[in-house]
C-alpha atoms as a PDB file:
ATOM      1  CA  UNK A   1     136.623 144.036 224.667  1.00  0.00           C
ATOM      2  CA  UNK A   2     135.411 140.609 225.487  1.00  0.00           C
ATOM      3  CA  UNK A   3     133.747 139.907 228.843  1.00  0.00           C
ATOM      4  CA  UNK A   4     135.105 137.243 231.184  1.00  0.00           C
ATOM      5  CA  UNK A   5     132.234 134.986 230.302  1.00  0.00           C
ATOM      6  CA  UNK A   6     133.014 135.379 226.554  1.00  0.00           C
ATOM      7  CA  UNK A   7     136.730 134.573 227.115  1.00  0.00           C
ATOM      8  CA  UNK A   8     135.726 131.596 229.211  1.00  0.00           C
ATOM      9  CA  UNK A   9     133.413 130.294 226.385  1.00  0.00           C
ATOM     10  CA  UNK A  10     136.223 130.764 223.776  1.00  0.00           C
ATOM     11  CA  UNK A  11     138.674 129.026 226.112  1.00  0.00           C
ATOM     12  CA  UNK A  12     136.161 126.093 226.518  1.00  0.00           C
ATOM     13  CA  UNK A  13     135.731 125.687 222.670  1.00  0.00           C
ATOM     14  CA  UNK A  14     139.561 125.415 222.280  1.00  0.00           C
ATOM     15  CA  UNK A  15     139.571 122.820 225.128  1.00  0.00           C
ATOM     16  CA  UNK A  16     136.913 120.817 223.418  1.00  0.00           C
ATOM     17  CA  UNK A  17     138.871 120.960 220.118  1.00  0.00           C
ATOM     18  CA  UNK A  18     141.984 119.876 221.890  1.00  0.00           C
ATOM     19  CA  UNK A  19     140.376 116.837 223.607  1.00  0.00           C
ATOM     20  CA  UNK A  20     138.138 115.661 220.579  1.00  0.00           C
ATOM     21  CA  UNK A  21     139.131 113.498 217.560  1.00  0.00           C
ATOM     22  CA  UNK A  22     138.650 115.948 214.618  1.00  0.00           C
ATOM     23  CA  UNK A  23     137.260 113.287 212.348  1.00  0.00           C
ATOM     24  CA  UNK A  24     134.647 111.767 214.814  1.00  0.00           C
ATOM     25  CA  UNK A  25     134.196 114.248 217.622  1.00  0.00           C
ATOM     26  CA  UNK A  26     134.811 111.718 220.119  1.00  0.00           C
ATOM     27  CA  UNK A  27     136.431 112.683 223.358  1.00  0.00           C
ATOM     28  CA  UNK A  28     139.936 111.226 223.869  1.00  0.00           C
ATOM     29  CA  UNK A  29     140.294 109.694 227.222  1.00  0.00           C
ATOM     30  CA  UNK A  30     144.083 110.243 226.989  1.00  0.00           C
ATOM     31  CA  UNK A  31     143.853 113.968 226.218  1.00  0.00           C
ATOM     32  CA  UNK A  32     140.905 114.558 228.724  1.00  0.00           C
ATOM     33  CA  UNK A  33     142.959 112.804 231.386  1.00  0.00           C
ATOM     34  CA  UNK A  34     145.935 114.934 230.696  1.00  0.00           C
ATOM     35  CA  UNK A  35     143.983 118.100 231.008  1.00  0.00           C
ATOM     36  CA  UNK A  36     142.516 116.914 234.289  1.00  0.00           C
ATOM     37  CA  UNK A  37     146.040 116.269 235.535  1.00  0.00           C
ATOM     38  CA  UNK A  38     145.621 112.463 235.814  1.00  0.00           C
ATOM     39  CA  UNK A  39     146.401 109.414 233.953  1.00  0.00           C
ATOM     40  CA  UNK A  40     144.220 107.709 231.450  1.00  0.00           C
ATOM     41  CA  UNK A  41     143.914 104.840 233.761  1.00  0.00           C
ATOM     42  CA  UNK A  42     142.736 107.029 236.705  1.00  0.00           C
ATOM     43  CA  UNK A  43     140.145 108.633 234.475  1.00  0.00           C
ATOM     44  CA  UNK A  44     138.984 105.184 233.166  1.00  0.00           C
ATOM     45  CA  UNK A  45     138.538 103.992 236.843  1.00  0.00           C
ATOM     46  CA  UNK A  46     136.265 107.038 237.501  1.00  0.00           C
ATOM     47  CA  UNK A  47     134.170 106.055 234.526  1.00  0.00           C
ATOM     48  CA  UNK A  48     133.976 102.449 235.723  1.00  0.00           C
ATOM     49  CA  UNK A  49     132.842 103.639 239.037  1.00  0.00           C
ATOM     50  CA  UNK A  50     130.111 105.614 237.224  1.00  0.00           C
ATOM     51  CA  UNK A  51     128.537 102.287 236.326  1.00  0.00           C
ATOM     52  CA  UNK A  52     128.836  99.357 233.982  1.00  0.00           C
ATOM     53  CA  UNK A  53     126.017 100.584 231.788  1.00  0.00           C
ATOM     54  CA  UNK A  54     127.201 103.993 231.289  1.00  0.00           C
ATOM     55  CA  UNK A  55     129.010 104.543 227.871  1.00  0.00           C
ATOM     56  CA  UNK A  56     132.259 106.382 227.765  1.00  0.00           C
ATOM     57  CA  UNK A  57     130.602 109.116 225.811  1.00  0.00           C
ATOM     58  CA  UNK A  58     127.937 109.721 228.408  1.00  0.00           C
ATOM     59  CA  UNK A  59     130.361 109.861 231.243  1.00  0.00           C
ATOM     60  CA  UNK A  60     132.557 112.272 229.198  1.00  0.00           C
ATOM     61  CA  UNK A  61     129.547 114.407 228.262  1.00  0.00           C
ATOM     62  CA  UNK A  62     128.372 114.692 231.913  1.00  0.00           C
ATOM     63  CA  UNK A  63     131.810 115.648 233.028  1.00  0.00           C
ATOM     64  CA  UNK A  64     132.099 118.267 230.292  1.00  0.00           C
ATOM     65  CA  UNK A  65     128.757 119.627 230.943  1.00  0.00           C
ATOM     66  CA  UNK A  66     129.654 120.295 234.617  1.00  0.00           C
ATOM     67  CA  UNK A  67     132.943 121.949 233.445  1.00  0.00           C
ATOM     68  CA  UNK A  68     131.139 124.073 230.974  1.00  0.00           C
ATOM     69  CA  UNK A  69     128.430 125.269 233.458  1.00  0.00           C
ATOM     70  CA  UNK A  70     131.077 126.172 235.967  1.00  0.00           C
ATOM     71  CA  UNK A  71     133.377 127.916 233.413  1.00  0.00           C
ATOM     72  CA  UNK A  72     130.219 129.896 232.015  1.00  0.00           C
ATOM     73  CA  UNK A  73     130.436 131.906 235.225  1.00  0.00           C
ATOM     74  CA  UNK A  74     133.543 133.547 233.891  1.00  0.00           C
ATOM     75  CA  UNK A  75     136.444 131.489 235.555  1.00  0.00           C
ATOM     76  CA  UNK A  76     139.470 130.129 233.703  1.00  0.00           C
ATOM     77  CA  UNK A  77     139.672 126.559 232.750  1.00  0.00           C
ATOM     78  CA  UNK A  78     142.426 125.558 235.063  1.00  0.00           C
ATOM     79  CA  UNK A  79     140.651 127.169 237.855  1.00  0.00           C
ATOM     80  CA  UNK A  80     137.434 125.214 237.172  1.00  0.00           C
ATOM     81  CA  UNK A  81     139.357 121.969 236.809  1.00  0.00           C
ATOM     82  CA  UNK A  82     140.904 122.581 240.247  1.00  0.00           C
ATOM     83  CA  UNK A  83     137.472 123.246 241.736  1.00  0.00           C
ATOM     84  CA  UNK A  84     135.922 120.265 239.951  1.00  0.00           C
ATOM     85  CA  UNK A  85     138.605 117.896 241.529  1.00  0.00           C
ATOM     86  CA  UNK A  86     139.163 119.469 244.976  1.00  0.00           C
ATOM     87  CA  UNK A  87     136.442 121.732 246.302  1.00  0.00           C
ATOM     88  CA  UNK A  88     133.800 120.185 248.533  1.00  0.00           C
ATOM     89  CA  UNK A  89     130.391 121.583 247.778  1.00  0.00           C
ATOM     90  CA  UNK A  90     128.345 122.423 250.785  1.00  0.00           C
ATOM     91  CA  UNK A  91     124.898 121.718 249.123  1.00  0.00           C
ATOM     92  CA  UNK A  92     126.251 118.184 248.179  1.00  0.00           C
ATOM     93  CA  UNK A  93     127.325 116.955 251.653  1.00  0.00           C
ATOM     94  CA  UNK A  94     130.834 118.186 251.030  1.00  0.00           C
ATOM     95  CA  UNK A  95     131.290 116.076 247.993  1.00  0.00           C
ATOM     96  CA  UNK A  96     133.279 117.449 245.079  1.00  0.00           C
ATOM     97  CA  UNK A  97     132.023 117.892 241.590  1.00  0.00           C
ATOM     98  CA  UNK A  98     133.980 114.948 240.548  1.00  0.00           C
ATOM     99  CA  UNK A  99     132.488 112.644 243.203  1.00  0.00           C
ATOM    100  CA  UNK A 100     128.999 114.034 242.083  1.00  0.00           C
ATOM    101  CA  UNK A 101     129.662 112.923 238.375  1.00  0.00           C
ATOM    102  CA  UNK A 102     130.965 109.683 239.356  1.00  0.00           C
ATOM    103  CA  UNK A 103     127.833 109.167 241.559  1.00  0.00           C
ATOM    104  CA  UNK A 104     125.588 109.968 238.568  1.00  0.00           C
ATOM    105  CA  UNK A 105     124.563 113.356 239.831  1.00  0.00           C
ATOM    106  CA  UNK A 106     125.940 115.586 237.008  1.00  0.00           C
ATOM    107  CA  UNK A 107     122.623 116.665 236.033  1.00  0.00           C
ATOM    108  CA  UNK A 108     121.597 117.875 239.368  1.00  0.00           C
ATOM    109  CA  UNK A 109     124.963 119.792 239.590  1.00  0.00           C
ATOM    110  CA  UNK A 110     124.763 121.229 236.239  1.00  0.00           C
ATOM    111  CA  UNK A 111     121.293 122.448 237.055  1.00  0.00           C
ATOM    112  CA  UNK A 112     122.578 124.038 240.158  1.00  0.00           C
ATOM    113  CA  UNK A 113     125.293 125.861 238.205  1.00  0.00           C
ATOM    114  CA  UNK A 114     123.178 126.970 235.255  1.00  0.00           C
ATOM    115  CA  UNK A 115     119.581 127.545 236.502  1.00  0.00           C
ATOM    116  CA  UNK A 116     120.218 128.710 239.976  1.00  0.00           C
ATOM    117  CA  UNK A 117     123.393 130.492 239.102  1.00  0.00           C
ATOM    118  CA  UNK A 118     125.121 129.244 242.273  1.00  0.00           C
ATOM    119  CA  UNK A 119     128.486 130.758 242.450  1.00  0.00           C
ATOM    120  CA  UNK A 120     131.734 128.747 242.573  1.00  0.00           C
ATOM    121  CA  UNK A 121     134.300 129.346 245.405  1.00  0.00           C
ATOM    122  CA  UNK A 122     137.492 129.677 243.505  1.00  0.00           C
ATOM    123  CA  UNK A 123     140.051 129.801 246.271  1.00  0.00           C
ATOM    124  CA  UNK A 124     143.836 129.541 246.087  1.00  0.00           C
ATOM    125  CA  UNK A 125     145.074 126.133 246.964  1.00  0.00           C
ATOM    126  CA  UNK A 126     146.444 127.516 250.204  1.00  0.00           C
ATOM    127  CA  UNK A 127     143.032 128.349 251.499  1.00  0.00           C
ATOM    128  CA  UNK A 128     140.614 126.206 253.596  1.00  0.00           C
ATOM    129  CA  UNK A 129     139.816 123.154 251.344  1.00  0.00           C
ATOM    130  CA  UNK A 130     136.618 122.673 253.289  1.00  0.00           C
ATOM    131  CA  UNK A 131     135.194 125.863 251.939  1.00  0.00           C
ATOM    132  CA  UNK A 132     132.004 125.634 249.864  1.00  0.00           C
ATOM    133  CA  UNK A 133     129.623 127.649 247.631  1.00  0.00           C
END
């Protein structure tokens, strides 16, 4: 029987295959936006806010690294995406993971998730939205 972490890793690989061009491996803005529950334009605006010098692939890699590190804790992808977009993080001045990635702080957040094994508060949408790790 596969562990929760193994299932999460397999689910993440399927997610990557779904959002990547099979020939080039490039991440599709349209497909990633759909997974995140937003339009391509909304995702593009987030990328632009990240900075004019940041290539799309860099931004996508940072976003995906955060999702991967969060999901590696054994949570389902939908739950992780909800956390990424909506859950304020106490150690980050109540900013969400999405806000941290846009601000260029994805490496810090990924490090917190991977090295320090900080847990992610995965709460139902009806719970207090100001909860943190």
